[in-house]
Amino acid sequence: MSKLVARIPVMAKAAVDSATPKLNTFERYAKVELVPPTPAEFGAVAQGFNKIVKGAQTGAWKKVTVKEAWLNTLVTVEVLCWFFIGEVIGKGTVVGYQV
């Protein structure tokens, strides 16, 4: 048992050394990707919504390939799952709000 306890600092240092580059990479991408949108980006969001509405009105959705349709479906499912996870975290329970 004492041998195992004596190896803990060495193992901890190895874990920190191996995790440091990965955490640095995560931090670099998180600073860019996880920032809230700026007011300048709201115009692009409005244009995106207008493009979706025009595509629905003109029937452009009929010309989507199967690969694009699957990709759109997967993105939609991912957004819905993250919304559900956020709701569960916010509520603190799966079944309902605590009153």
PDB file of N, CA and C in Angstrom:
ATOM      1  N   MET A   1       0.823  -1.187   0.000  1.00  0.00           N
ATOM      2  CA  MET A   1       0.000   0.000   0.000  1.00  0.00           C
ATOM      3  C   MET A   1       0.865   1.248   0.000  1.00  0.00           C
ATOM      4  N   SER A   2       1.987   1.197   0.721  1.00  0.00           N
ATOM      5  CA  SER A   2       2.850   2.377   0.782  1.00  0.00           C
ATOM      6  C   SER A   2       3.493   2.656  -0.574  1.00  0.00           C
ATOM      7  N   LYS A   3       3.732   1.597  -1.361  1.00  0.00           N
ATOM      8  CA  LYS A   3       4.279   1.812  -2.704  1.00  0.00           C
ATOM      9  C   LYS A   3       3.279   2.568  -3.578  1.00  0.00           C
ATOM     10  N   LEU A   4       2.011   2.209  -3.439  1.00  0.00           N
ATOM     11  CA  LEU A   4       0.971   2.881  -4.207  1.00  0.00           C
ATOM     12  C   LEU A   4       0.850   4.343  -3.800  1.00  0.00           C
ATOM     13  N   VAL A   5       0.884   4.605  -2.511  1.00  0.00           N
ATOM     14  CA  VAL A   5       0.796   5.978  -2.016  1.00  0.00           C
ATOM     15  C   VAL A   5       2.013   6.778  -2.461  1.00  0.00           C
ATOM     16  N   ALA A   6       3.171   6.146  -2.503  1.00  0.00           N
ATOM     17  CA  ALA A   6       4.384   6.842  -2.925  1.00  0.00           C
ATOM     18  C   ALA A   6       4.340   7.179  -4.418  1.00  0.00           C
ATOM     19  N   ARG A   7       3.598   6.416  -5.210  1.00  0.00           N
ATOM     20  CA  ARG A   7       3.518   6.673  -6.648  1.00  0.00           C
ATOM     21  C   ARG A   7       2.488   7.732  -7.011  1.00  0.00           C
ATOM     22  N   ILE A   8       1.646   8.128  -6.085  1.00  0.00           N
ATOM     23  CA  ILE A   8       0.579   9.089  -6.388  1.00  0.00           C
ATOM     24  C   ILE A   8       1.125  10.414  -6.911  1.00  0.00           C
ATOM     25  N   PRO A   9       2.135  11.029  -6.291  1.00  0.00           N
ATOM     26  CA  PRO A   9       2.630  12.299  -6.845  1.00  0.00           C
ATOM     27  C   PRO A   9       3.189  12.160  -8.265  1.00  0.00           C
ATOM     28  N   VAL A  10       3.853  11.045  -8.539  1.00  0.00           N
ATOM     29  CA  VAL A  10       4.402  10.827  -9.877  1.00  0.00           C
ATOM     30  C   VAL A  10       3.268  10.666 -10.889  1.00  0.00           C
ATOM     31  N   MET A  11       2.255   9.907 -10.520  1.00  0.00           N
ATOM     32  CA  MET A  11       1.116   9.703 -11.411  1.00  0.00           C
ATOM     33  C   MET A  11       0.344  11.002 -11.621  1.00  0.00           C
ATOM     34  N   ALA A  12       0.208  11.796 -10.568  1.00  0.00           N
ATOM     35  CA  ALA A  12      -0.497  13.073 -10.691  1.00  0.00           C
ATOM     36  C   ALA A  12       0.257  14.017 -11.617  1.00  0.00           C
ATOM     37  N   LYS A  13       1.583  14.057 -11.492  1.00  0.00           N
ATOM     38  CA  LYS A  13       2.385  14.920 -12.364  1.00  0.00           C
ATOM     39  C   LYS A  13       2.263  14.469 -13.813  1.00  0.00           C
ATOM     40  N   ALA A  14       2.272  13.166 -14.042  1.00  0.00           N
ATOM     41  CA  ALA A  14       2.126  12.651 -15.405  1.00  0.00           C
ATOM     42  C   ALA A  14       0.749  13.006 -15.974  1.00  0.00           C
ATOM     43  N   ALA A  15      -0.277  12.930 -15.145  1.00  0.00           N
ATOM     44  CA  ALA A  15      -1.625  13.280 -15.600  1.00  0.00           C
ATOM     45  C   ALA A  15      -1.714  14.761 -15.955  1.00  0.00           C
ATOM     46  N   VAL A  16      -1.127  15.611 -15.129  1.00  0.00           N
ATOM     47  CA  VAL A  16      -1.140  17.052 -15.401  1.00  0.00           C
ATOM     48  C   VAL A  16      -0.342  17.361 -16.658  1.00  0.00           C
ATOM     49  N   ASP A  17       0.812  16.719 -16.808  1.00  0.00           N
ATOM     50  CA  ASP A  17       1.648  16.954 -17.985  1.00  0.00           C
ATOM     51  C   ASP A  17       0.948  16.525 -19.278  1.00  0.00           C
ATOM     52  N   SER A  18       0.200  15.437 -19.229  1.00  0.00           N
ATOM     53  CA  SER A  18      -0.481  14.982 -20.444  1.00  0.00           C
ATOM     54  C   SER A  18      -1.744  15.791 -20.725  1.00  0.00           C
ATOM     55  N   ALA A  19      -2.368  16.332 -19.694  1.00  0.00           N
ATOM     56  CA  ALA A  19      -3.609  17.083 -19.886  1.00  0.00           C
ATOM     57  C   ALA A  19      -3.370  18.544 -20.245  1.00  0.00           C
ATOM     58  N   THR A  20      -2.211  19.091 -19.932  1.00  0.00           N
ATOM     59  CA  THR A  20      -1.961  20.514 -20.147  1.00  0.00           C
ATOM     60  C   THR A  20      -2.102  20.932 -21.611  1.00  0.00           C
ATOM     61  N   PRO A  21      -1.498  20.236 -22.581  1.00  0.00           N
ATOM     62  CA  PRO A  21      -1.683  20.674 -23.975  1.00  0.00           C
ATOM     63  C   PRO A  21      -3.141  20.607 -24.429  1.00  0.00           C
ATOM     64  N   LYS A  22      -3.853  19.583 -23.987  1.00  0.00           N
ATOM     65  CA  LYS A  22      -5.256  19.448 -24.375  1.00  0.00           C
ATOM     66  C   LYS A  22      -6.094  20.562 -23.766  1.00  0.00           C
ATOM     67  N   LEU A  23      -5.817  20.917 -22.522  1.00  0.00           N
ATOM     68  CA  LEU A  23      -6.554  22.007 -21.886  1.00  0.00           C
ATOM     69  C   LEU A  23      -6.228  23.346 -22.534  1.00  0.00           C
ATOM     70  N   ASN A  24      -4.982  23.531 -22.939  1.00  0.00           N
ATOM     71  CA  ASN A  24      -4.617  24.771 -23.624  1.00  0.00           C
ATOM     72  C   ASN A  24      -5.351  24.890 -24.959  1.00  0.00           C
ATOM     73  N   THR A  25      -5.444  23.787 -25.686  1.00  0.00           N
ATOM     74  CA  THR A  25      -6.177  23.794 -26.951  1.00  0.00           C
ATOM     75  C   THR A  25      -7.653  24.074 -26.702  1.00  0.00           C
ATOM     76  N   PHE A  26      -8.231  23.434 -25.701  1.00  0.00           N
ATOM     77  CA  PHE A  26      -9.629  23.673 -25.357  1.00  0.00           C
ATOM     78  C   PHE A  26      -9.853  25.131 -24.995  1.00  0.00           C
ATOM     79  N   GLU A  27      -8.964  25.695 -24.198  1.00  0.00           N
ATOM     80  CA  GLU A  27      -9.112  27.086 -23.777  1.00  0.00           C
ATOM     81  C   GLU A  27      -9.050  28.034 -24.976  1.00  0.00           C
ATOM     82  N   ARG A  28      -8.145  27.768 -25.907  1.00  0.00           N
ATOM     83  CA  ARG A  28      -8.013  28.622 -27.088  1.00  0.00           C
ATOM     84  C   ARG A  28      -9.304  28.614 -27.903  1.00  0.00           C
ATOM     85  N   TYR A  29      -9.870  27.423 -28.133  1.00  0.00           N
ATOM     86  CA  TYR A  29     -11.108  27.344 -28.906  1.00  0.00           C
ATOM     87  C   TYR A  29     -12.307  27.854 -28.113  1.00  0.00           C
ATOM     88  N   ALA A  30     -12.330  27.636 -26.814  1.00  0.00           N
ATOM     89  CA  ALA A  30     -13.455  28.085 -25.995  1.00  0.00           C
ATOM     90  C   ALA A  30     -13.547  29.601 -25.975  1.00  0.00           C
ATOM     91  N   LYS A  31     -12.410  30.283 -25.953  1.00  0.00           N
ATOM     92  CA  LYS A  31     -12.430  31.748 -25.952  1.00  0.00           C
ATOM     93  C   LYS A  31     -13.040  32.295 -27.232  1.00  0.00           C
ATOM     94  N   VAL A  32     -12.891  31.575 -28.328  1.00  0.00           N
ATOM     95  CA  VAL A  32     -13.419  32.040 -29.609  1.00  0.00           C
ATOM     96  C   VAL A  32     -14.871  31.600 -29.797  1.00  0.00           C
ATOM     97  N   GLU A  33     -15.167  30.349 -29.491  1.00  0.00           N
ATOM     98  CA  GLU A  33     -16.466  29.778 -29.829  1.00  0.00           C
ATOM     99  C   GLU A  33     -17.554  30.035 -28.794  1.00  0.00           C
ATOM    100  N   LEU A  34     -17.198  30.228 -27.550  1.00  0.00           N
ATOM    101  CA  LEU A  34     -18.206  30.329 -26.501  1.00  0.00           C
ATOM    102  C   LEU A  34     -18.531  31.760 -26.091  1.00  0.00           C
ATOM    103  N   VAL A  35     -18.139  32.724 -26.905  1.00  0.00           N
ATOM    104  CA  VAL A  35     -18.466  34.112 -26.585  1.00  0.00           C
ATOM    105  C   VAL A  35     -19.891  34.396 -27.056  1.00  0.00           C
ATOM    106  N   PRO A  36     -20.601  35.272 -26.352  1.00  0.00           N
ATOM    107  CA  PRO A  36     -21.952  35.609 -26.804  1.00  0.00           C
ATOM    108  C   PRO A  36     -21.898  36.413 -28.105  1.00  0.00           C
ATOM    109  N   PRO A  37     -22.959  36.405 -28.870  1.00  0.00           N
ATOM    110  CA  PRO A  37     -22.953  37.142 -30.133  1.00  0.00           C
ATOM    111  C   PRO A  37     -22.891  38.646 -29.898  1.00  0.00           C
ATOM    112  N   THR A  38     -22.217  39.324 -30.800  1.00  0.00           N
ATOM    113  CA  THR A  38     -22.136  40.781 -30.722  1.00  0.00           C
ATOM    114  C   THR A  38     -23.315  41.377 -31.488  1.00  0.00           C
ATOM    115  N   PRO A  39     -23.655  42.625 -31.217  1.00  0.00           N
ATOM    116  CA  PRO A  39     -24.755  43.253 -31.967  1.00  0.00           C
ATOM    117  C   PRO A  39     -24.512  43.277 -33.478  1.00  0.00           C
ATOM    118  N   ALA A  40     -23.258  43.293 -33.901  1.00  0.00           N
ATOM    119  CA  ALA A  40     -22.961  43.293 -35.334  1.00  0.00           C
ATOM    120  C   ALA A  40     -23.357  41.972 -35.991  1.00  0.00           C
ATOM    121  N   GLU A  41     -23.424  40.893 -35.234  1.00  0.00           N
ATOM    122  CA  GLU A  41     -23.767  39.585 -35.789  1.00  0.00           C
ATOM    123  C   GLU A  41     -25.272  39.369 -35.912  1.00  0.00           C
ATOM    124  N   PHE A  42     -26.081  40.240 -35.321  1.00  0.00           N
ATOM    125  CA  PHE A  42     -27.530  40.053 -35.382  1.00  0.00           C
ATOM    126  C   PHE A  42     -28.067  40.196 -36.803  1.00  0.00           C
ATOM    127  N   GLY A  43     -27.421  41.025 -37.622  1.00  0.00           N
ATOM    128  CA  GLY A  43     -27.840  41.162 -39.017  1.00  0.00           C
ATOM    129  C   GLY A  43     -27.684  39.862 -39.777  1.00  0.00           C
ATOM    130  N   ALA A  44     -26.594  39.160 -39.531  1.00  0.00           N
ATOM    131  CA  ALA A  44     -26.371  37.875 -40.197  1.00  0.00           C
ATOM    132  C   ALA A  44     -27.408  36.849 -39.757  1.00  0.00           C
ATOM    133  N   VAL A  45     -27.808  36.902 -38.498  1.00  0.00           N
ATOM    134  CA  VAL A  45     -28.834  35.977 -38.004  1.00  0.00           C
ATOM    135  C   VAL A  45     -30.159  36.262 -38.703  1.00  0.00           C
ATOM    136  N   ALA A  46     -30.509  37.531 -38.829  1.00  0.00           N
ATOM    137  CA  ALA A  46     -31.754  37.899 -39.508  1.00  0.00           C
ATOM    138  C   ALA A  46     -31.723  37.457 -40.967  1.00  0.00           C
ATOM    139  N   GLN A  47     -30.586  37.620 -41.631  1.00  0.00           N
ATOM    140  CA  GLN A  47     -30.468  37.181 -43.024  1.00  0.00           C
ATOM    141  C   GLN A  47     -30.620  35.666 -43.131  1.00  0.00           C
ATOM    142  N   GLY A  48     -30.077  34.942 -42.165  1.00  0.00           N
ATOM    143  CA  GLY A  48     -30.219  33.488 -42.168  1.00  0.00           C
ATOM    144  C   GLY A  48     -31.667  33.054 -42.023  1.00  0.00           C
ATOM    145  N   PHE A  49     -32.394  33.712 -41.121  1.00  0.00           N
ATOM    146  CA  PHE A  49     -33.816  33.387 -40.957  1.00  0.00           C
ATOM    147  C   PHE A  49     -34.604  33.739 -42.217  1.00  0.00           C
ATOM    148  N   ASN A  50     -34.294  34.879 -42.821  1.00  0.00           N
ATOM    149  CA  ASN A  50     -34.976  35.260 -44.064  1.00  0.00           C
ATOM    150  C   ASN A  50     -34.695  34.255 -45.175  1.00  0.00           C
ATOM    151  N   LYS A  51     -33.482  33.737 -45.212  1.00  0.00           N
ATOM    152  CA  LYS A  51     -33.122  32.735 -46.221  1.00  0.00           C
ATOM    153  C   LYS A  51     -33.928  31.452 -46.013  1.00  0.00           C
ATOM    154  N   ILE A  52     -34.110  31.060 -44.762  1.00  0.00           N
ATOM    155  CA  ILE A  52     -34.898  29.862 -44.460  1.00  0.00           C
ATOM    156  C   ILE A  52     -36.347  30.057 -44.885  1.00  0.00           C
ATOM    157  N   VAL A  53     -36.904  31.231 -44.585  1.00  0.00           N
ATOM    158  CA  VAL A  53     -38.295  31.512 -44.950  1.00  0.00           C
ATOM    159  C   VAL A  53     -38.458  31.522 -46.466  1.00  0.00           C
ATOM    160  N   LYS A  54     -37.536  32.167 -47.179  1.00  0.00           N
ATOM    161  CA  LYS A  54     -37.620  32.198 -48.645  1.00  0.00           C
ATOM    162  C   LYS A  54     -37.486  30.792 -49.229  1.00  0.00           C
ATOM    163  N   GLY A  55     -36.605  29.986 -48.651  1.00  0.00           N
ATOM    164  CA  GLY A  55     -36.444  28.616 -49.125  1.00  0.00           C
ATOM    165  C   GLY A  55     -37.706  27.800 -48.933  1.00  0.00           C
ATOM    166  N   ALA A  56     -38.406  28.042 -47.828  1.00  0.00           N
ATOM    167  CA  ALA A  56     -39.659  27.329 -47.581  1.00  0.00           C
ATOM    168  C   ALA A  56     -40.745  27.795 -48.548  1.00  0.00           C
ATOM    169  N   GLN A  57     -40.758  29.090 -48.863  1.00  0.00           N
ATOM    170  CA  GLN A  57     -41.783  29.624 -49.761  1.00  0.00           C
ATOM    171  C   GLN A  57     -41.554  29.206 -51.210  1.00  0.00           C
ATOM    172  N   THR A  58     -40.308  29.141 -51.635  1.00  0.00           N
ATOM    173  CA  THR A  58     -40.010  28.822 -53.035  1.00  0.00           C
ATOM    174  C   THR A  58     -39.903  27.324 -53.293  1.00  0.00           C
ATOM    175  N   GLY A  59     -39.889  26.512 -52.257  1.00  0.00           N
ATOM    176  CA  GLY A  59     -39.789  25.069 -52.438  1.00  0.00           C
ATOM    177  C   GLY A  59     -38.365  24.580 -52.602  1.00  0.00           C
ATOM    178  N   ALA A  60     -37.394  25.377 -52.166  1.00  0.00           N
ATOM    179  CA  ALA A  60     -35.991  24.968 -52.285  1.00  0.00           C
ATOM    180  C   ALA A  60     -35.690  23.750 -51.416  1.00  0.00           C
ATOM    181  N   TRP A  61     -36.512  23.508 -50.423  1.00  0.00           N
ATOM    182  CA  TRP A  61     -36.281  22.360 -49.544  1.00  0.00           C
ATOM    183  C   TRP A  61     -36.476  21.043 -50.293  1.00  0.00           C
ATOM    184  N   LYS A  62     -37.161  21.096 -51.425  1.00  0.00           N
ATOM    185  CA  LYS A  62     -37.375  19.874 -52.207  1.00  0.00           C
ATOM    186  C   LYS A  62     -36.111  19.435 -52.939  1.00  0.00           C
ATOM    187  N   LYS A  63     -35.160  20.342 -53.097  1.00  0.00           N
ATOM    188  CA  LYS A  63     -33.944  20.049 -53.852  1.00  0.00           C
ATOM    189  C   LYS A  63     -32.766  19.691 -52.955  1.00  0.00           C
ATOM    190  N   VAL A  64     -33.015  19.456 -51.692  1.00  0.00           N
ATOM    191  CA  VAL A  64     -31.951  19.113 -50.751  1.00  0.00           C
ATOM    192  C   VAL A  64     -31.573  17.649 -50.951  1.00  0.00           C
ATOM    193  N   THR A  65     -30.273  17.375 -50.984  1.00  0.00           N
ATOM    194  CA  THR A  65     -29.824  15.994 -51.139  1.00  0.00           C
ATOM    195  C   THR A  65     -30.074  15.218 -49.849  1.00  0.00           C
ATOM    196  N   VAL A  66     -30.020  13.913 -49.958  1.00  0.00           N
ATOM    197  CA  VAL A  66     -30.241  13.061 -48.787  1.00  0.00           C
ATOM    198  C   VAL A  66     -29.170  13.327 -47.734  1.00  0.00           C
ATOM    199  N   LYS A  67     -27.939  13.512 -48.180  1.00  0.00           N
ATOM    200  CA  LYS A  67     -26.844  13.775 -47.242  1.00  0.00           C
ATOM    201  C   LYS A  67     -27.086  15.082 -46.481  1.00  0.00           C
ATOM    202  N   GLU A  68     -27.500  16.127 -47.188  1.00  0.00           N
ATOM    203  CA  GLU A  68     -27.784  17.398 -46.531  1.00  0.00           C
ATOM    204  C   GLU A  68     -28.978  17.278 -45.592  1.00  0.00           C
ATOM    205  N   ALA A  69     -29.987  16.505 -45.996  1.00  0.00           N
ATOM    206  CA  ALA A  69     -31.164  16.321 -45.147  1.00  0.00           C
ATOM    207  C   ALA A  69     -30.786  15.612 -43.851  1.00  0.00           C
ATOM    208  N   TRP A  70     -29.941  14.584 -43.944  1.00  0.00           N
ATOM    209  CA  TRP A  70     -29.488  13.887 -42.739  1.00  0.00           C
ATOM    210  C   TRP A  70     -28.697  14.826 -41.844  1.00  0.00           C
ATOM    211  N   LEU A  71     -27.830  15.618 -42.453  1.00  0.00           N
ATOM    212  CA  LEU A  71     -27.032  16.564 -41.679  1.00  0.00           C
ATOM    213  C   LEU A  71     -27.931  17.578 -40.975  1.00  0.00           C
ATOM    214  N   ASN A  72     -28.916  18.104 -41.692  1.00  0.00           N
ATOM    215  CA  ASN A  72     -29.853  19.046 -41.079  1.00  0.00           C
ATOM    216  C   ASN A  72     -30.638  18.388 -39.949  1.00  0.00           C
ATOM    217  N   THR A  73     -31.032  17.138 -40.149  1.00  0.00           N
ATOM    218  CA  THR A  73     -31.765  16.412 -39.113  1.00  0.00           C
ATOM    219  C   THR A  73     -30.898  16.211 -37.876  1.00  0.00           C
ATOM    220  N   LEU A  74     -29.650  15.817 -38.080  1.00  0.00           N
ATOM    221  CA  LEU A  74     -28.754  15.602 -36.941  1.00  0.00           C
ATOM    222  C   LEU A  74     -28.484  16.898 -36.184  1.00  0.00           C
ATOM    223  N   VAL A  75     -28.313  17.990 -36.895  1.00  0.00           N
ATOM    224  CA  VAL A  75     -28.094  19.279 -36.232  1.00  0.00           C
ATOM    225  C   VAL A  75     -29.329  19.668 -35.429  1.00  0.00           C
ATOM    226  N   THR A  76     -30.510  19.457 -35.991  1.00  0.00           N
ATOM    227  CA  THR A  76     -31.749  19.771 -35.279  1.00  0.00           C
ATOM    228  C   THR A  76     -31.885  18.925 -34.022  1.00  0.00           C
ATOM    229  N   VAL A  77     -31.594  17.640 -34.126  1.00  0.00           N
ATOM    230  CA  VAL A  77     -31.669  16.759 -32.953  1.00  0.00           C
ATOM    231  C   VAL A  77     -30.660  17.194 -31.899  1.00  0.00           C
ATOM    232  N   GLU A  78     -29.463  17.576 -32.322  1.00  0.00           N
ATOM    233  CA  GLU A  78     -28.452  18.034 -31.370  1.00  0.00           C
ATOM    234  C   GLU A  78     -28.916  19.288 -30.639  1.00  0.00           C
ATOM    235  N   VAL A  79     -29.478  20.233 -31.358  1.00  0.00           N
ATOM    236  CA  VAL A  79     -29.969  21.465 -30.727  1.00  0.00           C
ATOM    237  C   VAL A  79     -31.080  21.142 -29.737  1.00  0.00           C
ATOM    238  N   LEU A  80     -32.000  20.273 -30.126  1.00  0.00           N
ATOM    239  CA  LEU A  80     -33.086  19.901 -29.222  1.00  0.00           C
ATOM    240  C   LEU A  80     -32.569  19.181 -27.978  1.00  0.00           C
ATOM    241  N   CYS A  81     -31.579  18.312 -28.145  1.00  0.00           N
ATOM    242  CA  CYS A  81     -31.007  17.613 -26.987  1.00  0.00           C
ATOM    243  C   CYS A  81     -30.330  18.588 -26.038  1.00  0.00           C
ATOM    244  N   TRP A  82     -29.552  19.539 -26.570  1.00  0.00           N
ATOM    245  CA  TRP A  82     -28.908  20.525 -25.698  1.00  0.00           C
ATOM    246  C   TRP A  82     -29.948  21.402 -25.008  1.00  0.00           C
ATOM    247  N   PHE A  83     -31.047  21.730 -25.712  1.00  0.00           N
ATOM    248  CA  PHE A  83     -32.119  22.489 -25.080  1.00  0.00           C
ATOM    249  C   PHE A  83     -32.708  21.695 -23.921  1.00  0.00           C
ATOM    250  N   PHE A  84     -32.973  20.401 -24.151  1.00  0.00           N
ATOM    251  CA  PHE A  84     -33.537  19.566 -23.099  1.00  0.00           C
ATOM    252  C   PHE A  84     -32.583  19.455 -21.916  1.00  0.00           C
ATOM    253  N   ILE A  85     -31.296  19.274 -22.184  1.00  0.00           N
ATOM    254  CA  ILE A  85     -30.308  19.185 -21.104  1.00  0.00           C
ATOM    255  C   ILE A  85     -30.276  20.487 -20.317  1.00  0.00           C
ATOM    256  N   GLY A  86     -30.335  21.617 -21.007  1.00  0.00           N
ATOM    257  CA  GLY A  86     -30.368  22.907 -20.322  1.00  0.00           C
ATOM    258  C   GLY A  86     -31.606  23.061 -19.459  1.00  0.00           C
ATOM    259  N   GLU A  87     -32.733  22.586 -19.948  1.00  0.00           N
ATOM    260  CA  GLU A  87     -33.958  22.645 -19.157  1.00  0.00           C
ATOM    261  C   GLU A  87     -33.846  21.773 -17.907  1.00  0.00           C
ATOM    262  N   VAL A  88     -33.283  20.588 -18.055  1.00  0.00           N
ATOM    263  CA  VAL A  88     -33.126  19.695 -16.905  1.00  0.00           C
ATOM    264  C   VAL A  88     -32.196  20.328 -15.875  1.00  0.00           C
ATOM    265  N   ILE A  89     -31.109  20.930 -16.338  1.00  0.00           N
ATOM    266  CA  ILE A  89     -30.185  21.588 -15.415  1.00  0.00           C
ATOM    267  C   ILE A  89     -30.876  22.759 -14.732  1.00  0.00           C
ATOM    268  N   GLY A  90     -31.623  23.546 -15.500  1.00  0.00           N
ATOM    269  CA  GLY A  90     -32.307  24.704 -14.937  1.00  0.00           C
ATOM    270  C   GLY A  90     -33.386  24.322 -13.937  1.00  0.00           C
ATOM    271  N   LYS A  91     -34.124  23.262 -14.249  1.00  0.00           N
ATOM    272  CA  LYS A  91     -35.185  22.825 -13.352  1.00  0.00           C
ATOM    273  C   LYS A  91     -34.631  22.093 -12.143  1.00  0.00           C
ATOM    274  N   GLY A  92     -33.545  21.416 -12.336  1.00  0.00           N
ATOM    275  CA  GLY A  92     -32.981  20.609 -11.263  1.00  0.00           C
ATOM    276  C   GLY A  92     -33.610  19.231 -11.175  1.00  0.00           C
ATOM    277  N   THR A  93     -34.488  18.903 -12.098  1.00  0.00           N
ATOM    278  CA  THR A  93     -35.146  17.606 -12.107  1.00  0.00           C
ATOM    279  C   THR A  93     -35.605  17.295 -13.524  1.00  0.00           C
ATOM    280  N   VAL A  94     -35.833  16.028 -13.816  1.00  0.00           N
ATOM    281  CA  VAL A  94     -36.241  15.633 -15.157  1.00  0.00           C
ATOM    282  C   VAL A  94     -37.741  15.794 -15.351  1.00  0.00           C
ATOM    283  N   VAL A  95     -38.530  15.536 -14.302  1.00  0.00           N
ATOM    284  CA  VAL A  95     -39.975  15.437 -14.478  1.00  0.00           C
ATOM    285  C   VAL A  95     -40.718  16.760 -14.439  1.00  0.00           C
ATOM    286  N   GLY A  96     -40.271  17.745 -13.711  1.00  0.00           N
ATOM    287  CA  GLY A  96     -41.024  18.993 -13.663  1.00  0.00           C
ATOM    288  C   GLY A  96     -40.376  20.013 -12.759  1.00  0.00           C
ATOM    289  N   TYR A  97     -40.973  21.178 -12.762  1.00  0.00           N
ATOM    290  CA  TYR A  97     -40.452  22.258 -11.934  1.00  0.00           C
ATOM    291  C   TYR A  97     -40.817  22.028 -10.475  1.00  0.00           C
ATOM    292  N   GLN A  98     -39.927  22.434  -9.594  1.00  0.00           N
ATOM    293  CA  GLN A  98     -40.206  22.325  -8.168  1.00  0.00           C
ATOM    294  C   GLN A  98     -40.989  23.568  -7.747  1.00  0.00           C
ATOM    295  N   VAL A  99     -42.172  23.347  -7.223  1.00  0.00           N
ATOM    296  CA  VAL A  99     -43.042  24.472  -6.868  1.00  0.00           C
ATOM    297  C   VAL A  99     -42.995  24.715  -5.385  1.00  0.00           C
TER     298      VAL A  99
END
